[in-house]
Amino acid sequence: MLRFSLACALAMTAVPVLAETEKEISCRYQSDVVAAIKQARLDRIAERKLPEVLAENATWPEKYNNIIPIVAPSIYEKKRRELRDEDLAGWWREQCMALEQ
């Protein structure tokens, strides 16, 4: 969980947020990326293929792909059965919104 928290902090510095509405949008996109990484892990997508697979179906702006290599290792180190019941996207959004800009 420490690695995931550190990844969260690093990713937040990679995406500048200027206003409250932009912050909400940014947090939503980031949580969408986290949810997609989790689903890819559950679907047994290889970690090395993750960026290209997610880019094919991305619903977020391209700049949010920068957090994929930061977050993916912490999600891929967990067992799939542990991930099924975890709401990583919700947790990420909550942590993102809690950060002061």
PDB file of N, CA and C in Angstrom:
ATOM      1  N   MET A   1       0.828  -1.187   0.000  1.00  0.00           N
ATOM      2  CA  MET A   1       0.000   0.000   0.000  1.00  0.00           C
ATOM      3  C   MET A   1       0.874   1.253   0.000  1.00  0.00           C
ATOM      4  N   LEU A   2       2.059   1.151   0.603  1.00  0.00           N
ATOM      5  CA  LEU A   2       2.971   2.291   0.616  1.00  0.00           C
ATOM      6  C   LEU A   2       3.405   2.643  -0.798  1.00  0.00           C
ATOM      7  N   ARG A   3       3.693   1.621  -1.608  1.00  0.00           N
ATOM      8  CA  ARG A   3       4.100   1.875  -2.983  1.00  0.00           C
ATOM      9  C   ARG A   3       2.973   2.550  -3.747  1.00  0.00           C
ATOM     10  N   PHE A   4       1.741   2.123  -3.490  1.00  0.00           N
ATOM     11  CA  PHE A   4       0.586   2.709  -4.170  1.00  0.00           C
ATOM     12  C   PHE A   4       0.409   4.164  -3.755  1.00  0.00           C
ATOM     13  N   SER A   5       0.615   4.456  -2.461  1.00  0.00           N
ATOM     14  CA  SER A   5       0.507   5.834  -1.970  1.00  0.00           C
ATOM     15  C   SER A   5       1.581   6.720  -2.592  1.00  0.00           C
ATOM     16  N   LEU A   6       2.791   6.174  -2.695  1.00  0.00           N
ATOM     17  CA  LEU A   6       3.866   6.934  -3.322  1.00  0.00           C
ATOM     18  C   LEU A   6       3.570   7.177  -4.802  1.00  0.00           C
ATOM     19  N   ALA A   7       3.019   6.172  -5.446  1.00  0.00           N
ATOM     20  CA  ALA A   7       2.652   6.323  -6.853  1.00  0.00           C
ATOM     21  C   ALA A   7       1.597   7.409  -7.012  1.00  0.00           C
ATOM     22  N   CYS A   8       0.657   7.453  -6.076  1.00  0.00           N
ATOM     23  CA  CYS A   8      -0.387   8.477  -6.101  1.00  0.00           C
ATOM     24  C   CYS A   8       0.229   9.866  -5.995  1.00  0.00           C
ATOM     25  N   ALA A   9       1.146  10.022  -5.062  1.00  0.00           N
ATOM     26  CA  ALA A   9       1.785  11.322  -4.871  1.00  0.00           C
ATOM     27  C   ALA A   9       2.576  11.733  -6.107  1.00  0.00           C
ATOM     28  N   LEU A  10       3.284  10.793  -6.713  1.00  0.00           N
ATOM     29  CA  LEU A  10       4.057  11.093  -7.919  1.00  0.00           C
ATOM     30  C   LEU A  10       3.148  11.454  -9.090  1.00  0.00           C
ATOM     31  N   ALA A  11       2.068  10.727  -9.228  1.00  0.00           N
ATOM     32  CA  ALA A  11       1.159  10.997 -10.339  1.00  0.00           C
ATOM     33  C   ALA A  11       0.492  12.352 -10.193  1.00  0.00           C
ATOM     34  N   MET A  12       0.196  12.742  -8.991  1.00  0.00           N
ATOM     35  CA  MET A  12      -0.455  14.035  -8.780  1.00  0.00           C
ATOM     36  C   MET A  12       0.456  15.189  -9.165  1.00  0.00           C
ATOM     37  N   THR A  13       1.764  15.014  -9.014  1.00  0.00           N
ATOM     38  CA  THR A  13       2.677  16.076  -9.414  1.00  0.00           C
ATOM     39  C   THR A  13       2.868  16.101 -10.924  1.00  0.00           C
ATOM     40  N   ALA A  14       2.519  15.012 -11.606  1.00  0.00           N
ATOM     41  CA  ALA A  14       2.688  14.950 -13.053  1.00  0.00           C
ATOM     42  C   ALA A  14       1.557  15.656 -13.794  1.00  0.00           C
ATOM     43  N   VAL A  15       0.435  15.876 -13.136  1.00  0.00           N
ATOM     44  CA  VAL A  15      -0.728  16.482 -13.788  1.00  0.00           C
ATOM     45  C   VAL A  15      -1.081  17.771 -13.044  1.00  0.00           C
ATOM     46  N   PRO A  16      -0.748  18.926 -13.607  1.00  0.00           N
ATOM     47  CA  PRO A  16      -1.059  20.172 -12.914  1.00  0.00           C
ATOM     48  C   PRO A  16      -2.558  20.451 -12.870  1.00  0.00           C
ATOM     49  N   VAL A  17      -2.982  20.981 -11.752  1.00  0.00           N
ATOM     50  CA  VAL A  17      -4.395  21.295 -11.570  1.00  0.00           C
ATOM     51  C   VAL A  17      -4.505  22.773 -11.227  1.00  0.00           C
ATOM     52  N   LEU A  18      -5.331  23.506 -11.989  1.00  0.00           N
ATOM     53  CA  LEU A  18      -5.393  24.949 -11.820  1.00  0.00           C
ATOM     54  C   LEU A  18      -6.609  25.420 -11.037  1.00  0.00           C
ATOM     55  N   ALA A  19      -7.740  24.806 -11.215  1.00  0.00           N
ATOM     56  CA  ALA A  19      -8.957  25.252 -10.545  1.00  0.00           C
ATOM     57  C   ALA A  19      -9.694  24.038  -9.983  1.00  0.00           C
ATOM     58  N   GLU A  20     -10.649  24.300  -9.118  1.00  0.00           N
ATOM     59  CA  GLU A  20     -11.392  23.211  -8.478  1.00  0.00           C
ATOM     60  C   GLU A  20     -12.090  22.318  -9.500  1.00  0.00           C
ATOM     61  N   THR A  21     -12.709  22.901 -10.500  1.00  0.00           N
ATOM     62  CA  THR A  21     -13.377  22.073 -11.507  1.00  0.00           C
ATOM     63  C   THR A  21     -12.364  21.261 -12.306  1.00  0.00           C
ATOM     64  N   GLU A  22     -11.228  21.843 -12.603  1.00  0.00           N
ATOM     65  CA  GLU A  22     -10.179  21.103 -13.293  1.00  0.00           C
ATOM     66  C   GLU A  22      -9.652  19.983 -12.412  1.00  0.00           C
ATOM     67  N   LYS A  23      -9.595  20.237 -11.120  1.00  0.00           N
ATOM     68  CA  LYS A  23      -9.135  19.211 -10.182  1.00  0.00           C
ATOM     69  C   LYS A  23     -10.099  18.022 -10.197  1.00  0.00           C
ATOM     70  N   GLU A  24     -11.372  18.287 -10.181  1.00  0.00           N
ATOM     71  CA  GLU A  24     -12.360  17.208 -10.216  1.00  0.00           C
ATOM     72  C   GLU A  24     -12.251  16.403 -11.508  1.00  0.00           C
ATOM     73  N   ILE A  25     -12.075  17.100 -12.612  1.00  0.00           N
ATOM     74  CA  ILE A  25     -11.945  16.427 -13.902  1.00  0.00           C
ATOM     75  C   ILE A  25     -10.671  15.587 -13.930  1.00  0.00           C
ATOM     76  N   SER A  26      -9.582  16.161 -13.461  1.00  0.00           N
ATOM     77  CA  SER A  26      -8.312  15.450 -13.429  1.00  0.00           C
ATOM     78  C   SER A  26      -8.411  14.198 -12.561  1.00  0.00           C
ATOM     79  N   CYS A  27      -9.013  14.327 -11.400  1.00  0.00           N
ATOM     80  CA  CYS A  27      -9.157  13.183 -10.496  1.00  0.00           C
ATOM     81  C   CYS A  27     -10.029  12.097 -11.122  1.00  0.00           C
ATOM     82  N   ARG A  28     -11.047  12.503 -11.841  1.00  0.00           N
ATOM     83  CA  ARG A  28     -11.918  11.527 -12.503  1.00  0.00           C
ATOM     84  C   ARG A  28     -11.139  10.764 -13.573  1.00  0.00           C
ATOM     85  N   TYR A  29     -10.378  11.488 -14.390  1.00  0.00           N
ATOM     86  CA  TYR A  29      -9.583  10.826 -15.427  1.00  0.00           C
ATOM     87  C   TYR A  29      -8.543   9.885 -14.802  1.00  0.00           C
ATOM     88  N   GLN A  30      -7.901  10.346 -13.744  1.00  0.00           N
ATOM     89  CA  GLN A  30      -6.905   9.501 -13.089  1.00  0.00           C
ATOM     90  C   GLN A  30      -7.544   8.234 -12.530  1.00  0.00           C
ATOM     91  N   SER A  31      -8.706   8.377 -11.919  1.00  0.00           N
ATOM     92  CA  SER A  31      -9.370   7.192 -11.371  1.00  0.00           C
ATOM     93  C   SER A  31      -9.841   6.270 -12.496  1.00  0.00           C
ATOM     94  N   ASP A  32     -10.187   6.834 -13.655  1.00  0.00           N
ATOM     95  CA  ASP A  32     -10.539   6.009 -14.820  1.00  0.00           C
ATOM     96  C   ASP A  32      -9.334   5.177 -15.276  1.00  0.00           C
ATOM     97  N   VAL A  33      -8.167   5.791 -15.274  1.00  0.00           N
ATOM     98  CA  VAL A  33      -6.942   5.076 -15.648  1.00  0.00           C
ATOM     99  C   VAL A  33      -6.674   3.946 -14.655  1.00  0.00           C
ATOM    100  N   VAL A  34      -6.806   4.230 -13.363  1.00  0.00           N
ATOM    101  CA  VAL A  34      -6.584   3.209 -12.335  1.00  0.00           C
ATOM    102  C   VAL A  34      -7.574   2.059 -12.508  1.00  0.00           C
ATOM    103  N   ALA A  35      -8.831   2.379 -12.771  1.00  0.00           N
ATOM    104  CA  ALA A  35      -9.844   1.336 -12.990  1.00  0.00           C
ATOM    105  C   ALA A  35      -9.498   0.492 -14.216  1.00  0.00           C
ATOM    106  N   ALA A  36      -9.008   1.122 -15.276  1.00  0.00           N
ATOM    107  CA  ALA A  36      -8.637   0.388 -16.490  1.00  0.00           C
ATOM    108  C   ALA A  36      -7.437  -0.527 -16.237  1.00  0.00           C
ATOM    109  N   ILE A  37      -6.477  -0.059 -15.454  1.00  0.00           N
ATOM    110  CA  ILE A  37      -5.320  -0.897 -15.115  1.00  0.00           C
ATOM    111  C   ILE A  37      -5.777  -2.097 -14.298  1.00  0.00           C
ATOM    112  N   LYS A  38      -6.642  -1.858 -13.332  1.00  0.00           N
ATOM    113  CA  LYS A  38      -7.164  -2.962 -12.512  1.00  0.00           C
ATOM    114  C   LYS A  38      -7.893  -3.975 -13.390  1.00  0.00           C
ATOM    115  N   GLN A  39      -8.742  -3.496 -14.290  1.00  0.00           N
ATOM    116  CA  GLN A  39      -9.489  -4.412 -15.149  1.00  0.00           C
ATOM    117  C   GLN A  39      -8.552  -5.192 -16.071  1.00  0.00           C
ATOM    118  N   ALA A  40      -7.514  -4.528 -16.569  1.00  0.00           N
ATOM    119  CA  ALA A  40      -6.534  -5.213 -17.411  1.00  0.00           C
ATOM    120  C   ALA A  40      -5.831  -6.318 -16.623  1.00  0.00           C
ATOM    121  N   ARG A  41      -5.521  -6.043 -15.378  1.00  0.00           N
ATOM    122  CA  ARG A  41      -4.898  -7.066 -14.518  1.00  0.00           C
ATOM    123  C   ARG A  41      -5.847  -8.241 -14.328  1.00  0.00           C
ATOM    124  N   LEU A  42      -7.117  -7.954 -14.077  1.00  0.00           N
ATOM    125  CA  LEU A  42      -8.103  -9.019 -13.908  1.00  0.00           C
ATOM    126  C   LEU A  42      -8.309  -9.802 -15.203  1.00  0.00           C
ATOM    127  N   ASP A  43      -8.138  -9.132 -16.341  1.00  0.00           N
ATOM    128  CA  ASP A  43      -8.283  -9.779 -17.655  1.00  0.00           C
ATOM    129  C   ASP A  43      -6.995 -10.461 -18.110  1.00  0.00           C
ATOM    130  N   ARG A  44      -5.990 -10.474 -17.255  1.00  0.00           N
ATOM    131  CA  ARG A  44      -4.705 -11.140 -17.515  1.00  0.00           C
ATOM    132  C   ARG A  44      -3.922 -10.526 -18.678  1.00  0.00           C
ATOM    133  N   ILE A  45      -4.039  -9.229 -18.845  1.00  0.00           N
ATOM    134  CA  ILE A  45      -3.231  -8.523 -19.846  1.00  0.00           C
ATOM    135  C   ILE A  45      -1.817  -8.403 -19.268  1.00  0.00           C
ATOM    136  N   ALA A  46      -0.820  -8.749 -20.047  1.00  0.00           N
ATOM    137  CA  ALA A  46       0.564  -8.664 -19.589  1.00  0.00           C
ATOM    138  C   ALA A  46       0.924  -7.206 -19.296  1.00  0.00           C
ATOM    139  N   GLU A  47       1.682  -6.999 -18.237  1.00  0.00           N
ATOM    140  CA  GLU A  47       2.047  -5.637 -17.826  1.00  0.00           C
ATOM    141  C   GLU A  47       2.834  -4.915 -18.923  1.00  0.00           C
ATOM    142  N   ARG A  48       3.663  -5.637 -19.647  1.00  0.00           N
ATOM    143  CA  ARG A  48       4.464  -4.993 -20.696  1.00  0.00           C
ATOM    144  C   ARG A  48       3.601  -4.510 -21.866  1.00  0.00           C
ATOM    145  N   LYS A  49       2.424  -5.114 -22.058  1.00  0.00           N
ATOM    146  CA  LYS A  49       1.513  -4.717 -23.138  1.00  0.00           C
ATOM    147  C   LYS A  49       0.482  -3.686 -22.682  1.00  0.00           C
ATOM    148  N   LEU A  50       0.476  -3.387 -21.407  1.00  0.00           N
ATOM    149  CA  LEU A  50      -0.544  -2.531 -20.819  1.00  0.00           C
ATOM    150  C   LEU A  50      -0.685  -1.163 -21.489  1.00  0.00           C
ATOM    151  N   PRO A  51       0.392  -0.402 -21.693  1.00  0.00           N
ATOM    152  CA  PRO A  51       0.216   0.935 -22.305  1.00  0.00           C
ATOM    153  C   PRO A  51      -0.462   0.892 -23.671  1.00  0.00           C
ATOM    154  N   GLU A  52      -0.074  -0.051 -24.521  1.00  0.00           N
ATOM    155  CA  GLU A  52      -0.684  -0.096 -25.857  1.00  0.00           C
ATOM    156  C   GLU A  52      -2.127  -0.592 -25.810  1.00  0.00           C
ATOM    157  N   VAL A  53      -2.428  -1.526 -24.923  1.00  0.00           N
ATOM    158  CA  VAL A  53      -3.800  -2.031 -24.799  1.00  0.00           C
ATOM    159  C   VAL A  53      -4.725  -0.930 -24.267  1.00  0.00           C
ATOM    160  N   LEU A  54      -4.272  -0.207 -23.246  1.00  0.00           N
ATOM    161  CA  LEU A  54      -5.101   0.859 -22.679  1.00  0.00           C
ATOM    162  C   LEU A  54      -5.261   2.021 -23.651  1.00  0.00           C
ATOM    163  N   ALA A  55      -4.239   2.294 -24.437  1.00  0.00           N
ATOM    164  CA  ALA A  55      -4.313   3.398 -25.402  1.00  0.00           C
ATOM    165  C   ALA A  55      -5.374   3.134 -26.471  1.00  0.00           C
ATOM    166  N   GLU A  56      -5.599   1.860 -26.793  1.00  0.00           N
ATOM    167  CA  GLU A  56      -6.598   1.516 -27.808  1.00  0.00           C
ATOM    168  C   GLU A  56      -8.016   1.909 -27.381  1.00  0.00           C
ATOM    169  N   ASN A  57      -8.319   1.772 -26.091  1.00  0.00           N
ATOM    170  CA  ASN A  57      -9.680   1.999 -25.599  1.00  0.00           C
ATOM    171  C   ASN A  57      -9.765   3.152 -24.610  1.00  0.00           C
ATOM    172  N   ALA A  58      -8.794   4.028 -24.618  1.00  0.00           N
ATOM    173  CA  ALA A  58      -8.744   5.110 -23.635  1.00  0.00           C
ATOM    174  C   ALA A  58      -9.919   6.074 -23.786  1.00  0.00           C
ATOM    175  N   THR A  59     -10.521   6.433 -22.659  1.00  0.00           N
ATOM    176  CA  THR A  59     -11.603   7.421 -22.636  1.00  0.00           C
ATOM    177  C   THR A  59     -11.131   8.705 -21.965  1.00  0.00           C
ATOM    178  N   TRP A  60      -9.840   8.830 -21.765  1.00  0.00           N
ATOM    179  CA  TRP A  60      -9.256   9.994 -21.108  1.00  0.00           C
ATOM    180  C   TRP A  60      -8.245  10.636 -22.060  1.00  0.00           C
ATOM    181  N   PRO A  61      -7.900  11.905 -21.816  1.00  0.00           N
ATOM    182  CA  PRO A  61      -6.889  12.568 -22.651  1.00  0.00           C
ATOM    183  C   PRO A  61      -5.542  11.841 -22.567  1.00  0.00           C
ATOM    184  N   GLU A  62      -4.789  11.938 -23.621  1.00  0.00           N
ATOM    185  CA  GLU A  62      -3.528  11.208 -23.750  1.00  0.00           C
ATOM    186  C   GLU A  62      -2.540  11.492 -22.624  1.00  0.00           C
ATOM    187  N   LYS A  63      -2.531  12.704 -22.094  1.00  0.00           N
ATOM    188  CA  LYS A  63      -1.555  13.036 -21.050  1.00  0.00           C
ATOM    189  C   LYS A  63      -1.734  12.186 -19.791  1.00  0.00           C
ATOM    190  N   TYR A  64      -2.906  11.610 -19.580  1.00  0.00           N
ATOM    191  CA  TYR A  64      -3.132  10.779 -18.401  1.00  0.00           C
ATOM    192  C   TYR A  64      -2.519   9.390 -18.543  1.00  0.00           C
ATOM    193  N   ASN A  65      -2.052   9.065 -19.735  1.00  0.00           N
ATOM    194  CA  ASN A  65      -1.333   7.807 -19.926  1.00  0.00           C
ATOM    195  C   ASN A  65       0.003   7.811 -19.189  1.00  0.00           C
ATOM    196  N   ASN A  66       0.469   8.993 -18.811  1.00  0.00           N
ATOM    197  CA  ASN A  66       1.738   9.102 -18.094  1.00  0.00           C
ATOM    198  C   ASN A  66       1.712   8.417 -16.734  1.00  0.00           C
ATOM    199  N   ILE A  67       0.541   8.245 -16.149  1.00  0.00           N
ATOM    200  CA  ILE A  67       0.500   7.603 -14.829  1.00  0.00           C
ATOM    201  C   ILE A  67       0.470   6.079 -14.914  1.00  0.00           C
ATOM    202  N   ILE A  68       0.288   5.537 -16.122  1.00  0.00           N
ATOM    203  CA  ILE A  68       0.227   4.078 -16.263  1.00  0.00           C
ATOM    204  C   ILE A  68       1.497   3.400 -15.742  1.00  0.00           C
ATOM    205  N   PRO A  69       2.701   3.803 -16.171  1.00  0.00           N
ATOM    206  CA  PRO A  69       3.898   3.113 -15.658  1.00  0.00           C
ATOM    207  C   PRO A  69       4.181   3.394 -14.180  1.00  0.00           C
ATOM    208  N   ILE A  70       3.566   4.430 -13.641  1.00  0.00           N
ATOM    209  CA  ILE A  70       3.760   4.741 -12.216  1.00  0.00           C
ATOM    210  C   ILE A  70       2.864   3.870 -11.347  1.00  0.00           C
ATOM    211  N   VAL A  71       1.631   3.661 -11.775  1.00  0.00           N
ATOM    212  CA  VAL A  71       0.628   2.955 -10.969  1.00  0.00           C
ATOM    213  C   VAL A  71       0.616   1.451 -11.225  1.00  0.00           C
ATOM    214  N   ALA A  72       0.844   1.053 -12.468  1.00  0.00           N
ATOM    215  CA  ALA A  72       0.702  -0.355 -12.857  1.00  0.00           C
ATOM    216  C   ALA A  72       1.506  -1.331 -11.985  1.00  0.00           C
ATOM    217  N   PRO A  73       2.766  -1.063 -11.669  1.00  0.00           N
ATOM    218  CA  PRO A  73       3.505  -2.056 -10.881  1.00  0.00           C
ATOM    219  C   PRO A  73       2.856  -2.383  -9.530  1.00  0.00           C
ATOM    220  N   SER A  74       2.310  -1.383  -8.868  1.00  0.00           N
ATOM    221  CA  SER A  74       1.693  -1.647  -7.562  1.00  0.00           C
ATOM    222  C   SER A  74       0.403  -2.445  -7.691  1.00  0.00           C
ATOM    223  N   ILE A  75      -0.306  -2.294  -8.810  1.00  0.00           N
ATOM    224  CA  ILE A  75      -1.527  -3.067  -9.035  1.00  0.00           C
ATOM    225  C   ILE A  75      -1.171  -4.480  -9.494  1.00  0.00           C
ATOM    226  N   TYR A  76      -0.166  -4.590 -10.344  1.00  0.00           N
ATOM    227  CA  TYR A  76       0.215  -5.896 -10.870  1.00  0.00           C
ATOM    228  C   TYR A  76       0.921  -6.774  -9.838  1.00  0.00           C
ATOM    229  N   GLU A  77       1.431  -6.199  -8.774  1.00  0.00           N
ATOM    230  CA  GLU A  77       2.066  -7.042  -7.753  1.00  0.00           C
ATOM    231  C   GLU A  77       1.030  -7.729  -6.856  1.00  0.00           C
ATOM    232  N   LYS A  78      -0.208  -7.273  -6.901  1.00  0.00           N
ATOM    233  CA  LYS A  78      -1.272  -7.895  -6.105  1.00  0.00           C
ATOM    234  C   LYS A  78      -1.833  -9.105  -6.838  1.00  0.00           C
ATOM    235  N   LYS A  79      -2.339 -10.026  -6.081  1.00  0.00           N
ATOM    236  CA  LYS A  79      -3.000 -11.187  -6.672  1.00  0.00           C
ATOM    237  C   LYS A  79      -4.375 -10.754  -7.171  1.00  0.00           C
ATOM    238  N   ARG A  80      -4.811 -11.393  -8.263  1.00  0.00           N
ATOM    239  CA  ARG A  80      -6.089 -11.017  -8.851  1.00  0.00           C
ATOM    240  C   ARG A  80      -7.238 -11.191  -7.876  1.00  0.00           C
ATOM    241  N   ARG A  81      -7.203 -12.215  -7.068  1.00  0.00           N
ATOM    242  CA  ARG A  81      -8.304 -12.428  -6.125  1.00  0.00           C
ATOM    243  C   ARG A  81      -8.379 -11.308  -5.087  1.00  0.00           C
ATOM    244  N   GLU A  82      -7.251 -10.675  -4.785  1.00  0.00           N
ATOM    245  CA  GLU A  82      -7.246  -9.533  -3.864  1.00  0.00           C
ATOM    246  C   GLU A  82      -7.859  -8.296  -4.531  1.00  0.00           C
ATOM    247  N   LEU A  83      -7.662  -8.168  -5.821  1.00  0.00           N
ATOM    248  CA  LEU A  83      -8.126  -6.982  -6.549  1.00  0.00           C
ATOM    249  C   LEU A  83      -9.630  -6.969  -6.790  1.00  0.00           C
ATOM    250  N   ARG A  84     -10.228  -8.140  -6.885  1.00  0.00           N
ATOM    251  CA  ARG A  84     -11.650  -8.220  -7.262  1.00  0.00           C
ATOM    252  C   ARG A  84     -12.547  -7.344  -6.395  1.00  0.00           C
ATOM    253  N   ASP A  85     -12.312  -7.332  -5.103  1.00  0.00           N
ATOM    254  CA  ASP A  85     -13.196  -6.622  -4.184  1.00  0.00           C
ATOM    255  C   ASP A  85     -12.703  -5.222  -3.823  1.00  0.00           C
ATOM    256  N   GLU A  86     -11.530  -4.838  -4.298  1.00  0.00           N
ATOM    257  CA  GLU A  86     -10.986  -3.519  -3.963  1.00  0.00           C
ATOM    258  C   GLU A  86     -11.495  -2.460  -4.944  1.00  0.00           C
ATOM    259  N   ASP A  87     -11.886  -1.320  -4.407  1.00  0.00           N
ATOM    260  CA  ASP A  87     -12.312  -0.189  -5.231  1.00  0.00           C
ATOM    261  C   ASP A  87     -11.135   0.779  -5.345  1.00  0.00           C
ATOM    262  N   LEU A  88     -10.171   0.410  -6.157  1.00  0.00           N
ATOM    263  CA  LEU A  88      -8.975   1.235  -6.300  1.00  0.00           C
ATOM    264  C   LEU A  88      -9.282   2.579  -6.944  1.00  0.00           C
ATOM    265  N   ALA A  89     -10.185   2.598  -7.907  1.00  0.00           N
ATOM    266  CA  ALA A  89     -10.527   3.856  -8.580  1.00  0.00           C
ATOM    267  C   ALA A  89     -11.187   4.821  -7.600  1.00  0.00           C
ATOM    268  N   GLY A  90     -12.089   4.319  -6.779  1.00  0.00           N
ATOM    269  CA  GLY A  90     -12.734   5.161  -5.773  1.00  0.00           C
ATOM    270  C   GLY A  90     -11.736   5.678  -4.758  1.00  0.00           C
ATOM    271  N   TRP A  91     -10.845   4.786  -4.333  1.00  0.00           N
ATOM    272  CA  TRP A  91      -9.806   5.188  -3.375  1.00  0.00           C
ATOM    273  C   TRP A  91      -8.912   6.261  -3.996  1.00  0.00           C
ATOM    274  N   TRP A  92      -8.508   6.050  -5.255  1.00  0.00           N
ATOM    275  CA  TRP A  92      -7.631   7.007  -5.928  1.00  0.00           C
ATOM    276  C   TRP A  92      -8.301   8.372  -6.021  1.00  0.00           C
ATOM    277  N   ARG A  93      -9.578   8.385  -6.423  1.00  0.00           N
ATOM    278  CA  ARG A  93     -10.296   9.651  -6.563  1.00  0.00           C
ATOM    279  C   ARG A  93     -10.398  10.372  -5.218  1.00  0.00           C
ATOM    280  N   GLU A  94     -10.681   9.621  -4.179  1.00  0.00           N
ATOM    281  CA  GLU A  94     -10.774  10.198  -2.838  1.00  0.00           C
ATOM    282  C   GLU A  94      -9.444  10.816  -2.415  1.00  0.00           C
ATOM    283  N   GLN A  95      -8.352  10.096  -2.644  1.00  0.00           N
ATOM    284  CA  GLN A  95      -7.027  10.610  -2.286  1.00  0.00           C
ATOM    285  C   GLN A  95      -6.666  11.835  -3.129  1.00  0.00           C
ATOM    286  N   CYS A  96      -7.008  11.764  -4.384  1.00  0.00           N
ATOM    287  CA  CYS A  96      -6.730  12.878  -5.297  1.00  0.00           C
ATOM    288  C   CYS A  96      -7.459  14.152  -4.853  1.00  0.00           C
ATOM    289  N   MET A  97      -8.735  14.015  -4.532  1.00  0.00           N
ATOM    290  CA  MET A  97      -9.523  15.166  -4.127  1.00  0.00           C
ATOM    291  C   MET A  97      -9.079  15.727  -2.773  1.00  0.00           C
ATOM    292  N   ALA A  98      -8.494  14.873  -1.944  1.00  0.00           N
ATOM    293  CA  ALA A  98      -8.049  15.307  -0.625  1.00  0.00           C
ATOM    294  C   ALA A  98      -6.765  16.129  -0.680  1.00  0.00           C
ATOM    295  N   LEU A  99      -5.995  15.982  -1.751  1.00  0.00           N
ATOM    296  CA  LEU A  99      -4.741  16.725  -1.872  1.00  0.00           C
ATOM    297  C   LEU A  99      -5.027  18.201  -2.105  1.00  0.00           C
ATOM    298  N   GLU A 100      -4.313  19.032  -1.414  1.00  0.00           N
ATOM    299  CA  GLU A 100      -4.475  20.474  -1.598  1.00  0.00           C
ATOM    300  C   GLU A 100      -3.560  20.936  -2.717  1.00  0.00           C
ATOM    301  N   GLN A 101      -4.040  21.827  -3.516  1.00  0.00           N
ATOM    302  CA  GLN A 101      -3.258  22.361  -4.632  1.00  0.00           C
ATOM    303  C   GLN A 101      -2.882  23.787  -4.380  1.00  0.00           C
TER     304      GLN A 101
END
